[in-house]
């Protein structure tokens, strides 16, 4: 057994509960996110209230087409969240199988960072688009486009970039471990 692979039984005893908790929490998060998106965009009053409060304008008269367009924007972001959750599931499933400091694990770690970064960037850049969509029915001169960046966005970006960097560092370590194992 290479130094990067540990007995699956040993790992399950030591970190199995943690891996399972993270896998299931990730699935719950993805499900909750999808539920929130669907319930928001299906409810005309909720859309008008949420975006009206954000933009501080009356959005009565919003059309079903506008809500469908807003839903499609958010569904695209949700697809990136689901890809991130899939990568989380794969990484922690690999840990349970004994693959910890392996090239396989590092690829999944980097994928979490990359998909998560793509989802966060899509979320940030979709805000002006969605606010434009929900105010499109208003008369010319009173339509809104809002650019919003909050401190949580910066924390998420730093965290996701750190995951990508850790994936890169772990990849180099796994390559070195394989190289050293080949010399012995």
N, C-alpha and C. Protein backbone atom coordinates (compact mmCIF):
# COMPACT_ATOMS: atom_id res chain seq x y z
N UNK A 1 0.86 -1.17 0.00
CA UNK A 1 0.00 0.00 0.00
C UNK A 1 0.90 1.24 0.00
N UNK A 2 0.63 2.18 -0.86
CA UNK A 2 1.46 3.38 -0.94
C UNK A 2 1.24 4.23 0.30
N UNK A 3 2.19 5.13 0.63
CA UNK A 3 2.03 5.97 1.83
C UNK A 3 0.83 6.91 1.76
N UNK A 4 0.33 7.17 0.55
CA UNK A 4 -0.80 8.09 0.41
C UNK A 4 -2.13 7.41 0.66
N UNK A 5 -2.13 6.07 0.76
CA UNK A 5 -3.37 5.33 0.94
C UNK A 5 -3.35 4.69 2.32
N UNK A 6 -4.43 4.83 3.05
CA UNK A 6 -4.56 4.27 4.39
C UNK A 6 -5.66 3.23 4.35
N UNK A 7 -5.61 2.30 5.26
CA UNK A 7 -6.64 1.26 5.33
C UNK A 7 -8.02 1.91 5.45
N UNK A 8 -8.94 1.50 4.57
CA UNK A 8 -10.29 2.08 4.65
C UNK A 8 -10.95 1.84 6.01
N UNK A 9 -10.70 0.69 6.61
CA UNK A 9 -11.30 0.39 7.91
C UNK A 9 -10.77 1.36 8.98
N UNK A 10 -9.47 1.63 8.94
CA UNK A 10 -8.87 2.55 9.90
C UNK A 10 -9.45 3.95 9.72
N UNK A 11 -9.52 4.38 8.48
CA UNK A 11 -10.08 5.72 8.22
C UNK A 11 -11.54 5.82 8.62
N UNK A 12 -12.32 4.81 8.32
CA UNK A 12 -13.74 4.85 8.69
C UNK A 12 -13.90 4.98 10.20
N UNK A 13 -13.05 4.27 10.94
CA UNK A 13 -13.12 4.37 12.40
C UNK A 13 -12.75 5.77 12.88
N UNK A 14 -11.77 6.38 12.24
CA UNK A 14 -11.25 7.66 12.70
C UNK A 14 -12.03 8.87 12.18
N UNK A 15 -12.40 8.84 10.91
CA UNK A 15 -13.04 10.03 10.32
C UNK A 15 -14.34 9.73 9.58
N UNK A 16 -14.82 8.51 9.70
CA UNK A 16 -16.04 8.12 8.97
C UNK A 16 -17.23 9.00 9.29
N UNK A 17 -17.44 9.26 10.58
CA UNK A 17 -18.58 10.09 10.97
C UNK A 17 -18.48 11.48 10.37
N UNK A 18 -17.24 12.04 10.32
CA UNK A 18 -17.05 13.38 9.78
C UNK A 18 -17.31 13.39 8.27
N UNK A 19 -16.78 12.40 7.58
CA UNK A 19 -16.99 12.32 6.12
C UNK A 19 -18.47 12.17 5.79
N UNK A 20 -19.15 11.30 6.52
CA UNK A 20 -20.59 11.10 6.26
C UNK A 20 -21.38 12.37 6.57
N UNK A 21 -21.04 13.04 7.65
CA UNK A 21 -21.73 14.28 8.02
C UNK A 21 -21.57 15.33 6.93
N UNK A 22 -20.35 15.49 6.44
CA UNK A 22 -20.10 16.49 5.39
C UNK A 22 -20.81 16.11 4.11
N UNK A 23 -20.78 14.84 3.73
CA UNK A 23 -21.47 14.43 2.50
C UNK A 23 -22.95 14.73 2.58
N UNK A 24 -23.58 14.36 3.68
CA UNK A 24 -25.02 14.56 3.79
C UNK A 24 -25.38 16.04 3.99
N UNK A 25 -24.56 16.78 4.70
CA UNK A 25 -24.80 18.22 4.85
C UNK A 25 -24.72 18.90 3.48
N UNK A 26 -23.79 18.47 2.65
CA UNK A 26 -23.67 19.05 1.31
C UNK A 26 -24.92 18.77 0.47
N UNK A 27 -25.45 17.56 0.56
CA UNK A 27 -26.67 17.23 -0.19
C UNK A 27 -27.85 18.03 0.34
N UNK A 28 -27.94 18.17 1.65
CA UNK A 28 -29.02 18.97 2.24
C UNK A 28 -28.91 20.42 1.78
N UNK A 29 -27.68 20.95 1.76
CA UNK A 29 -27.48 22.33 1.30
C UNK A 29 -27.94 22.50 -0.15
N UNK A 30 -27.53 21.58 -1.01
CA UNK A 30 -27.93 21.67 -2.43
C UNK A 30 -29.45 21.59 -2.57
N UNK A 31 -30.06 20.68 -1.83
CA UNK A 31 -31.52 20.53 -1.89
C UNK A 31 -32.22 21.79 -1.39
N UNK A 32 -31.73 22.34 -0.30
CA UNK A 32 -32.30 23.57 0.26
C UNK A 32 -32.17 24.72 -0.73
N UNK A 33 -31.00 24.83 -1.37
CA UNK A 33 -30.77 25.89 -2.36
C UNK A 33 -31.76 25.76 -3.52
N UNK A 34 -31.90 24.55 -4.05
CA UNK A 34 -32.84 24.33 -5.16
C UNK A 34 -34.27 24.64 -4.72
N UNK A 35 -34.63 24.21 -3.52
CA UNK A 35 -35.97 24.49 -3.00
C UNK A 35 -36.22 25.99 -2.90
N UNK A 36 -35.24 26.74 -2.37
CA UNK A 36 -35.38 28.19 -2.23
C UNK A 36 -35.57 28.87 -3.59
N UNK A 37 -34.80 28.44 -4.58
CA UNK A 37 -34.90 29.04 -5.92
C UNK A 37 -36.27 28.78 -6.52
N UNK A 38 -36.71 27.52 -6.45
CA UNK A 38 -38.01 27.17 -7.05
C UNK A 38 -39.14 27.89 -6.34
N UNK A 39 -39.14 27.87 -5.00
CA UNK A 39 -40.26 28.51 -4.29
C UNK A 39 -40.27 30.02 -4.47
N UNK A 40 -39.09 30.64 -4.60
CA UNK A 40 -39.07 32.08 -4.85
C UNK A 40 -39.71 32.40 -6.19
N UNK A 41 -39.21 31.79 -7.25
CA UNK A 41 -39.63 32.19 -8.59
C UNK A 41 -41.02 31.71 -8.98
N UNK A 42 -41.56 30.72 -8.25
CA UNK A 42 -42.95 30.30 -8.50
C UNK A 42 -43.96 31.25 -7.86
N UNK A 43 -43.54 32.02 -6.88
CA UNK A 43 -44.43 32.89 -6.13
C UNK A 43 -44.24 34.35 -6.57
N UNK A 44 -45.17 34.82 -7.39
CA UNK A 44 -45.08 36.18 -7.93
C UNK A 44 -44.98 37.23 -6.83
N UNK A 45 -45.81 37.11 -5.80
CA UNK A 45 -45.80 38.08 -4.70
C UNK A 45 -44.46 38.07 -3.98
N UNK A 46 -43.90 36.90 -3.79
CA UNK A 46 -42.62 36.79 -3.09
C UNK A 46 -41.50 37.46 -3.90
N UNK A 47 -41.51 37.27 -5.22
CA UNK A 47 -40.51 37.90 -6.09
C UNK A 47 -40.65 39.42 -6.01
N UNK A 48 -41.90 39.91 -6.14
CA UNK A 48 -42.13 41.36 -6.10
C UNK A 48 -41.70 41.94 -4.75
N UNK A 49 -42.00 41.22 -3.67
CA UNK A 49 -41.65 41.71 -2.33
C UNK A 49 -40.12 41.68 -2.12
N UNK A 50 -39.48 40.57 -2.45
CA UNK A 50 -38.04 40.43 -2.20
C UNK A 50 -37.24 41.44 -3.03
N UNK A 51 -37.50 41.47 -4.33
CA UNK A 51 -36.73 42.37 -5.19
C UNK A 51 -37.19 43.81 -5.06
N UNK A 52 -38.47 44.01 -4.78
CA UNK A 52 -38.97 45.36 -4.54
C UNK A 52 -38.32 45.98 -3.31
N UNK A 53 -38.18 45.18 -2.24
CA UNK A 53 -37.51 45.68 -1.03
C UNK A 53 -36.04 45.97 -1.30
N UNK A 54 -35.39 45.10 -2.06
CA UNK A 54 -33.97 45.30 -2.36
C UNK A 54 -33.77 46.58 -3.17
N UNK A 55 -34.59 46.73 -4.22
CA UNK A 55 -34.44 47.88 -5.13
C UNK A 55 -35.17 49.13 -4.63
N UNK A 56 -36.02 48.94 -3.62
CA UNK A 56 -36.82 50.04 -3.07
C UNK A 56 -37.73 50.67 -4.14
N UNK A 57 -38.38 49.78 -4.92
CA UNK A 57 -39.33 50.22 -5.94
C UNK A 57 -40.53 49.26 -5.93
N UNK A 58 -41.61 49.71 -6.53
CA UNK A 58 -42.81 48.89 -6.67
C UNK A 58 -42.64 48.03 -7.93
N UNK A 59 -42.67 46.72 -7.77
CA UNK A 59 -42.51 45.82 -8.92
C UNK A 59 -43.82 45.17 -9.33
N UNK A 60 -44.98 45.75 -8.89
CA UNK A 60 -46.24 45.17 -9.34
C UNK A 60 -46.30 45.21 -10.85
N UNK A 61 -46.87 44.17 -11.38
CA UNK A 61 -46.97 44.07 -12.83
C UNK A 61 -45.86 43.21 -13.43
N UNK A 62 -45.02 42.63 -12.60
CA UNK A 62 -43.97 41.76 -13.12
C UNK A 62 -44.63 40.62 -13.90
N UNK A 63 -44.05 40.24 -15.01
CA UNK A 63 -44.66 39.22 -15.87
C UNK A 63 -44.13 37.83 -15.55
N UNK A 64 -44.87 36.84 -16.02
CA UNK A 64 -44.43 35.45 -15.86
C UNK A 64 -43.13 35.22 -16.63
N UNK A 65 -42.97 35.88 -17.76
CA UNK A 65 -41.74 35.76 -18.54
C UNK A 65 -40.52 36.29 -17.78
N UNK A 66 -40.72 37.38 -17.06
CA UNK A 66 -39.62 37.92 -16.25
C UNK A 66 -39.25 36.94 -15.14
N UNK A 67 -40.26 36.37 -14.51
CA UNK A 67 -39.98 35.40 -13.44
C UNK A 67 -39.29 34.16 -14.02
N UNK A 68 -39.69 33.73 -15.18
CA UNK A 68 -39.04 32.57 -15.82
C UNK A 68 -37.58 32.88 -16.14
N UNK A 69 -37.33 34.09 -16.63
CA UNK A 69 -35.95 34.48 -16.95
C UNK A 69 -35.10 34.55 -15.68
N UNK A 70 -35.66 35.11 -14.60
CA UNK A 70 -34.94 35.16 -13.33
C UNK A 70 -34.66 33.76 -12.81
N UNK A 71 -35.64 32.88 -12.95
CA UNK A 71 -35.46 31.49 -12.53
C UNK A 71 -34.33 30.83 -13.32
N UNK A 72 -34.30 31.05 -14.63
CA UNK A 72 -33.24 30.44 -15.45
C UNK A 72 -31.85 30.91 -15.03
N UNK A 73 -31.72 32.18 -14.70
CA UNK A 73 -30.43 32.69 -14.23
C UNK A 73 -30.03 31.97 -12.95
N UNK A 74 -30.96 31.89 -12.01
CA UNK A 74 -30.65 31.23 -10.74
C UNK A 74 -30.48 29.72 -10.90
N UNK A 75 -31.19 29.12 -11.84
CA UNK A 75 -31.03 27.67 -12.09
C UNK A 75 -29.63 27.37 -12.62
N UNK A 76 -29.09 28.28 -13.41
CA UNK A 76 -27.72 28.10 -13.92
C UNK A 76 -26.72 28.12 -12.76
N UNK A 77 -26.90 29.04 -11.85
CA UNK A 77 -26.04 29.09 -10.66
C UNK A 77 -26.22 27.82 -9.84
N UNK A 78 -27.47 27.37 -9.70
CA UNK A 78 -27.74 26.15 -8.94
C UNK A 78 -27.05 24.94 -9.56
N UNK A 79 -26.96 24.90 -10.88
CA UNK A 79 -26.25 23.79 -11.53
C UNK A 79 -24.78 23.77 -11.12
N UNK A 80 -24.20 24.94 -10.97
CA UNK A 80 -22.80 25.02 -10.50
C UNK A 80 -22.70 24.60 -9.04
N UNK A 81 -23.69 24.93 -8.25
CA UNK A 81 -23.71 24.49 -6.85
C UNK A 81 -23.82 22.97 -6.79
N UNK A 82 -24.65 22.38 -7.62
CA UNK A 82 -24.79 20.93 -7.66
C UNK A 82 -23.48 20.27 -8.08
N UNK A 83 -22.78 20.85 -9.05
CA UNK A 83 -21.47 20.32 -9.46
C UNK A 83 -20.49 20.38 -8.29
N UNK A 84 -20.54 21.46 -7.52
CA UNK A 84 -19.68 21.60 -6.35
C UNK A 84 -20.01 20.52 -5.32
N UNK A 85 -21.29 20.31 -5.08
CA UNK A 85 -21.72 19.30 -4.11
C UNK A 85 -21.32 17.90 -4.57
N UNK A 86 -21.41 17.64 -5.86
CA UNK A 86 -20.98 16.35 -6.40
C UNK A 86 -19.49 16.14 -6.12
N UNK A 87 -18.69 17.18 -6.31
CA UNK A 87 -17.26 17.09 -6.04
C UNK A 87 -16.99 16.86 -4.55
N UNK A 88 -17.77 17.51 -3.68
CA UNK A 88 -17.64 17.29 -2.23
C UNK A 88 -17.94 15.83 -1.92
N UNK A 89 -19.03 15.32 -2.48
CA UNK A 89 -19.42 13.93 -2.25
C UNK A 89 -18.30 12.98 -2.69
N UNK A 90 -17.74 13.22 -3.87
CA UNK A 90 -16.67 12.36 -4.39
C UNK A 90 -15.42 12.43 -3.53
N UNK A 91 -15.04 13.62 -3.10
CA UNK A 91 -13.85 13.77 -2.26
C UNK A 91 -14.00 12.98 -0.96
N UNK A 92 -15.11 13.16 -0.28
CA UNK A 92 -15.28 12.50 1.01
C UNK A 92 -15.59 11.02 0.86
N UNK A 93 -16.14 10.60 -0.25
CA UNK A 93 -16.29 9.17 -0.53
C UNK A 93 -14.91 8.55 -0.73
N UNK A 94 -14.03 9.28 -1.41
CA UNK A 94 -12.65 8.81 -1.58
C UNK A 94 -11.94 8.70 -0.24
N UNK A 95 -12.16 9.67 0.64
CA UNK A 95 -11.56 9.59 1.97
C UNK A 95 -12.02 8.33 2.69
N UNK A 96 -13.33 8.04 2.59
CA UNK A 96 -13.86 6.84 3.24
C UNK A 96 -13.28 5.56 2.64
N UNK A 97 -12.88 5.62 1.37
CA UNK A 97 -12.29 4.46 0.69
C UNK A 97 -10.78 4.36 0.94
N UNK A 98 -10.23 5.32 1.68
CA UNK A 98 -8.82 5.26 2.01
C UNK A 98 -7.94 6.13 1.13
N UNK A 99 -8.53 6.87 0.20
CA UNK A 99 -7.75 7.75 -0.68
C UNK A 99 -7.73 9.15 -0.08
N UNK A 100 -6.63 9.47 0.59
CA UNK A 100 -6.54 10.76 1.27
C UNK A 100 -5.57 11.67 0.54
N UNK A 101 -4.29 11.44 0.63
CA UNK A 101 -3.31 12.28 -0.05
C UNK A 101 -2.94 11.64 -1.38
N UNK A 102 -3.94 11.49 -2.23
CA UNK A 102 -3.73 10.88 -3.55
C UNK A 102 -4.04 11.91 -4.63
N UNK A 103 -3.60 11.61 -5.84
CA UNK A 103 -3.90 12.52 -6.95
C UNK A 103 -5.41 12.62 -7.17
N UNK A 104 -6.11 11.52 -6.99
CA UNK A 104 -7.56 11.50 -7.12
C UNK A 104 -8.20 12.50 -6.15
N UNK A 105 -7.77 12.46 -4.89
CA UNK A 105 -8.33 13.36 -3.87
C UNK A 105 -8.02 14.82 -4.20
N UNK A 106 -6.81 15.07 -4.67
CA UNK A 106 -6.45 16.46 -4.96
C UNK A 106 -7.27 17.02 -6.12
N UNK A 107 -7.58 16.17 -7.09
CA UNK A 107 -8.41 16.64 -8.21
C UNK A 107 -9.81 17.01 -7.73
N UNK A 108 -10.39 16.18 -6.84
CA UNK A 108 -11.72 16.50 -6.33
C UNK A 108 -11.69 17.76 -5.46
N UNK A 109 -10.62 17.94 -4.69
CA UNK A 109 -10.50 19.15 -3.87
C UNK A 109 -10.45 20.39 -4.76
N UNK A 110 -9.66 20.31 -5.80
CA UNK A 110 -9.58 21.46 -6.72
C UNK A 110 -10.90 21.68 -7.45
N UNK A 111 -11.59 20.61 -7.79
CA UNK A 111 -12.90 20.76 -8.46
C UNK A 111 -13.90 21.45 -7.54
N UNK A 112 -13.85 21.13 -6.25
CA UNK A 112 -14.73 21.83 -5.30
C UNK A 112 -14.46 23.32 -5.38
N UNK A 113 -13.19 23.69 -5.33
CA UNK A 113 -12.82 25.10 -5.39
C UNK A 113 -13.21 25.76 -6.69
N UNK A 114 -12.97 25.07 -7.79
CA UNK A 114 -13.26 25.64 -9.12
C UNK A 114 -14.77 25.79 -9.35
N UNK A 115 -15.54 24.72 -9.07
CA UNK A 115 -16.99 24.80 -9.26
C UNK A 115 -17.61 25.81 -8.29
N UNK A 116 -17.13 25.81 -7.04
CA UNK A 116 -17.64 26.77 -6.06
C UNK A 116 -17.32 28.20 -6.46
N UNK A 117 -16.09 28.40 -6.95
CA UNK A 117 -15.69 29.74 -7.41
C UNK A 117 -16.56 30.18 -8.60
N UNK A 118 -16.81 29.26 -9.50
CA UNK A 118 -17.67 29.58 -10.65
C UNK A 118 -19.08 29.94 -10.18
N UNK A 119 -19.61 29.19 -9.21
CA UNK A 119 -20.95 29.49 -8.69
C UNK A 119 -20.99 30.85 -8.01
N UNK A 120 -19.97 31.15 -7.21
CA UNK A 120 -19.94 32.43 -6.50
C UNK A 120 -19.81 33.60 -7.48
N UNK A 121 -18.94 33.45 -8.47
CA UNK A 121 -18.77 34.52 -9.46
C UNK A 121 -20.05 34.70 -10.28
N UNK A 122 -20.69 33.59 -10.64
CA UNK A 122 -21.94 33.68 -11.38
C UNK A 122 -23.00 34.38 -10.54
N UNK A 123 -23.03 34.09 -9.25
CA UNK A 123 -23.98 34.75 -8.36
C UNK A 123 -23.74 36.26 -8.31
N UNK A 124 -22.49 36.64 -8.15
CA UNK A 124 -22.15 38.07 -8.08
C UNK A 124 -22.52 38.78 -9.39
N UNK A 125 -22.14 38.18 -10.51
CA UNK A 125 -22.38 38.84 -11.80
C UNK A 125 -23.84 38.74 -12.26
N UNK A 126 -24.61 37.84 -11.65
CA UNK A 126 -26.02 37.73 -12.04
C UNK A 126 -26.89 38.79 -11.37
N UNK A 127 -26.42 39.38 -10.30
CA UNK A 127 -27.25 40.34 -9.55
C UNK A 127 -27.71 41.51 -10.42
N UNK A 128 -26.82 42.17 -11.17
CA UNK A 128 -27.32 43.24 -12.04
C UNK A 128 -28.28 42.71 -13.12
N UNK A 129 -27.99 41.52 -13.62
CA UNK A 129 -28.85 40.92 -14.65
C UNK A 129 -30.25 40.66 -14.10
N UNK A 130 -30.33 40.03 -12.94
CA UNK A 130 -31.63 39.70 -12.36
C UNK A 130 -32.41 40.96 -11.98
N UNK A 131 -31.73 41.95 -11.42
CA UNK A 131 -32.45 43.18 -11.08
C UNK A 131 -32.95 43.88 -12.34
N UNK A 132 -32.20 43.79 -13.41
CA UNK A 132 -32.67 44.34 -14.69
C UNK A 132 -33.88 43.57 -15.20
N UNK A 133 -33.84 42.27 -15.05
CA UNK A 133 -34.95 41.43 -15.51
C UNK A 133 -36.22 41.74 -14.74
N UNK A 134 -36.14 41.81 -13.40
CA UNK A 134 -37.36 42.00 -12.60
C UNK A 134 -37.94 43.40 -12.71
N UNK A 135 -37.13 44.35 -13.18
CA UNK A 135 -37.67 45.71 -13.33
C UNK A 135 -37.92 46.07 -14.80
N UNK A 136 -37.78 45.11 -15.68
CA UNK A 136 -37.92 45.34 -17.12
C UNK A 136 -39.31 45.84 -17.52
N UNK A 137 -40.33 45.47 -16.77
CA UNK A 137 -41.70 45.86 -17.12
C UNK A 137 -41.99 47.32 -16.77
N UNK A 138 -41.14 47.94 -16.00
CA UNK A 138 -41.35 49.33 -15.61
C UNK A 138 -41.08 50.25 -16.80
N UNK A 139 -41.63 51.43 -16.76
CA UNK A 139 -41.44 52.35 -17.88
C UNK A 139 -39.98 52.80 -17.99
N UNK A 140 -39.60 53.19 -19.18
CA UNK A 140 -38.23 53.63 -19.43
C UNK A 140 -37.86 54.73 -18.45
N UNK A 141 -36.65 54.67 -17.96
CA UNK A 141 -36.18 55.66 -16.99
C UNK A 141 -36.41 55.24 -15.56
N UNK A 142 -37.25 54.22 -15.33
CA UNK A 142 -37.47 53.76 -13.96
C UNK A 142 -37.07 52.30 -13.78
N UNK A 143 -36.45 51.74 -14.81
CA UNK A 143 -35.93 50.38 -14.68
C UNK A 143 -34.67 50.42 -13.84
N UNK A 144 -34.37 49.32 -13.19
CA UNK A 144 -33.27 49.29 -12.23
C UNK A 144 -32.24 48.22 -12.60
N UNK A 145 -30.99 48.54 -12.33
CA UNK A 145 -29.90 47.56 -12.39
C UNK A 145 -29.07 47.82 -11.14
N UNK A 146 -28.95 46.80 -10.31
CA UNK A 146 -28.24 46.97 -9.04
C UNK A 146 -27.00 46.09 -9.01
N UNK A 147 -25.89 46.69 -8.69
CA UNK A 147 -24.65 45.96 -8.50
C UNK A 147 -24.45 45.84 -7.01
N UNK A 148 -24.30 44.62 -6.51
CA UNK A 148 -24.17 44.43 -5.07
C UNK A 148 -23.05 43.44 -4.78
N UNK A 149 -22.20 43.84 -3.88
CA UNK A 149 -21.12 42.97 -3.40
C UNK A 149 -21.12 43.12 -1.89
N UNK A 150 -21.13 41.99 -1.19
CA UNK A 150 -21.14 42.08 0.27
C UNK A 150 -19.94 41.36 0.85
N UNK A 151 -19.65 41.59 2.12
CA UNK A 151 -18.46 40.97 2.74
C UNK A 151 -18.45 39.45 2.65
N UNK A 152 -19.62 38.82 2.72
CA UNK A 152 -19.66 37.35 2.60
C UNK A 152 -19.13 36.88 1.25
N UNK A 153 -19.38 37.66 0.21
CA UNK A 153 -18.86 37.29 -1.11
C UNK A 153 -17.34 37.20 -1.07
N UNK A 154 -16.71 38.16 -0.42
CA UNK A 154 -15.25 38.17 -0.35
C UNK A 154 -14.72 37.01 0.48
N UNK A 155 -15.41 36.67 1.55
CA UNK A 155 -15.02 35.52 2.37
C UNK A 155 -15.13 34.24 1.56
N UNK A 156 -16.24 34.07 0.84
CA UNK A 156 -16.42 32.88 0.01
C UNK A 156 -15.34 32.79 -1.06
N UNK A 157 -15.05 33.91 -1.70
CA UNK A 157 -14.02 33.91 -2.75
C UNK A 157 -12.66 33.51 -2.18
N UNK A 158 -12.30 34.07 -1.03
CA UNK A 158 -11.02 33.72 -0.41
C UNK A 158 -10.98 32.24 -0.02
N UNK A 159 -12.08 31.75 0.54
CA UNK A 159 -12.15 30.35 0.94
C UNK A 159 -12.01 29.42 -0.27
N UNK A 160 -12.73 29.72 -1.33
CA UNK A 160 -12.69 28.88 -2.53
C UNK A 160 -11.33 28.93 -3.21
N UNK A 161 -10.72 30.10 -3.26
CA UNK A 161 -9.36 30.20 -3.80
C UNK A 161 -8.38 29.42 -2.93
N UNK A 162 -8.60 29.40 -1.62
CA UNK A 162 -7.75 28.62 -0.72
C UNK A 162 -7.90 27.12 -0.99
N UNK A 163 -9.11 26.67 -1.28
CA UNK A 163 -9.31 25.26 -1.62
C UNK A 163 -8.55 24.89 -2.90
N UNK A 164 -8.61 25.78 -3.88
CA UNK A 164 -7.87 25.52 -5.13
C UNK A 164 -6.37 25.45 -4.84
N UNK A 165 -5.87 26.39 -4.02
CA UNK A 165 -4.44 26.40 -3.67
C UNK A 165 -4.08 25.13 -2.89
N UNK A 166 -4.91 24.74 -1.92
CA UNK A 166 -4.65 23.51 -1.17
C UNK A 166 -4.65 22.28 -2.08
N UNK A 167 -5.57 22.27 -3.03
CA UNK A 167 -5.58 21.17 -4.00
C UNK A 167 -4.29 21.10 -4.78
N UNK A 168 -3.79 22.24 -5.16
CA UNK A 168 -2.52 22.29 -5.91
C UNK A 168 -1.36 21.83 -5.03
N UNK A 169 -1.33 22.28 -3.79
CA UNK A 169 -0.27 21.89 -2.84
C UNK A 169 -0.33 20.39 -2.57
N UNK A 170 -1.53 19.87 -2.34
CA UNK A 170 -1.69 18.44 -2.08
C UNK A 170 -1.31 17.61 -3.31
N UNK A 171 -1.58 18.14 -4.49
CA UNK A 171 -1.20 17.43 -5.72
C UNK A 171 0.32 17.28 -5.79
N UNK A 172 1.02 18.34 -5.50
CA UNK A 172 2.49 18.28 -5.50
C UNK A 172 2.99 17.30 -4.45
N UNK A 173 2.35 17.31 -3.27
CA UNK A 173 2.74 16.38 -2.20
C UNK A 173 2.47 14.93 -2.61
N UNK A 174 1.34 14.68 -3.24
CA UNK A 174 1.01 13.32 -3.69
C UNK A 174 1.98 12.85 -4.76
N UNK A 175 2.33 13.76 -5.68
CA UNK A 175 3.31 13.40 -6.72
C UNK A 175 4.66 13.07 -6.10
N UNK A 176 5.06 13.85 -5.10
CA UNK A 176 6.33 13.61 -4.41
C UNK A 176 6.29 12.28 -3.66
N UNK A 177 5.17 11.98 -3.01
CA UNK A 177 5.02 10.72 -2.29
C UNK A 177 5.12 9.54 -3.25
N UNK A 178 4.47 9.65 -4.42
CA UNK A 178 4.55 8.57 -5.42
C UNK A 178 5.98 8.41 -5.92
N UNK A 179 6.65 9.53 -6.15
CA UNK A 179 8.02 9.50 -6.62
C UNK A 179 8.93 8.84 -5.58
N UNK A 180 8.75 9.21 -4.32
CA UNK A 180 9.56 8.63 -3.25
C UNK A 180 9.25 7.14 -3.07
N UNK A 181 8.00 6.74 -3.18
CA UNK A 181 7.64 5.33 -3.06
C UNK A 181 8.25 4.52 -4.19
N UNK A 182 8.41 5.12 -5.36
CA UNK A 182 9.01 4.43 -6.51
C UNK A 182 10.50 4.23 -6.34
N UNK A 183 11.14 5.05 -5.51
CA UNK A 183 12.59 4.94 -5.31
C UNK A 183 12.93 3.84 -4.31
N UNK A 184 11.99 3.51 -3.47
CA UNK A 184 12.28 2.52 -2.41
C UNK A 184 12.22 1.13 -2.92
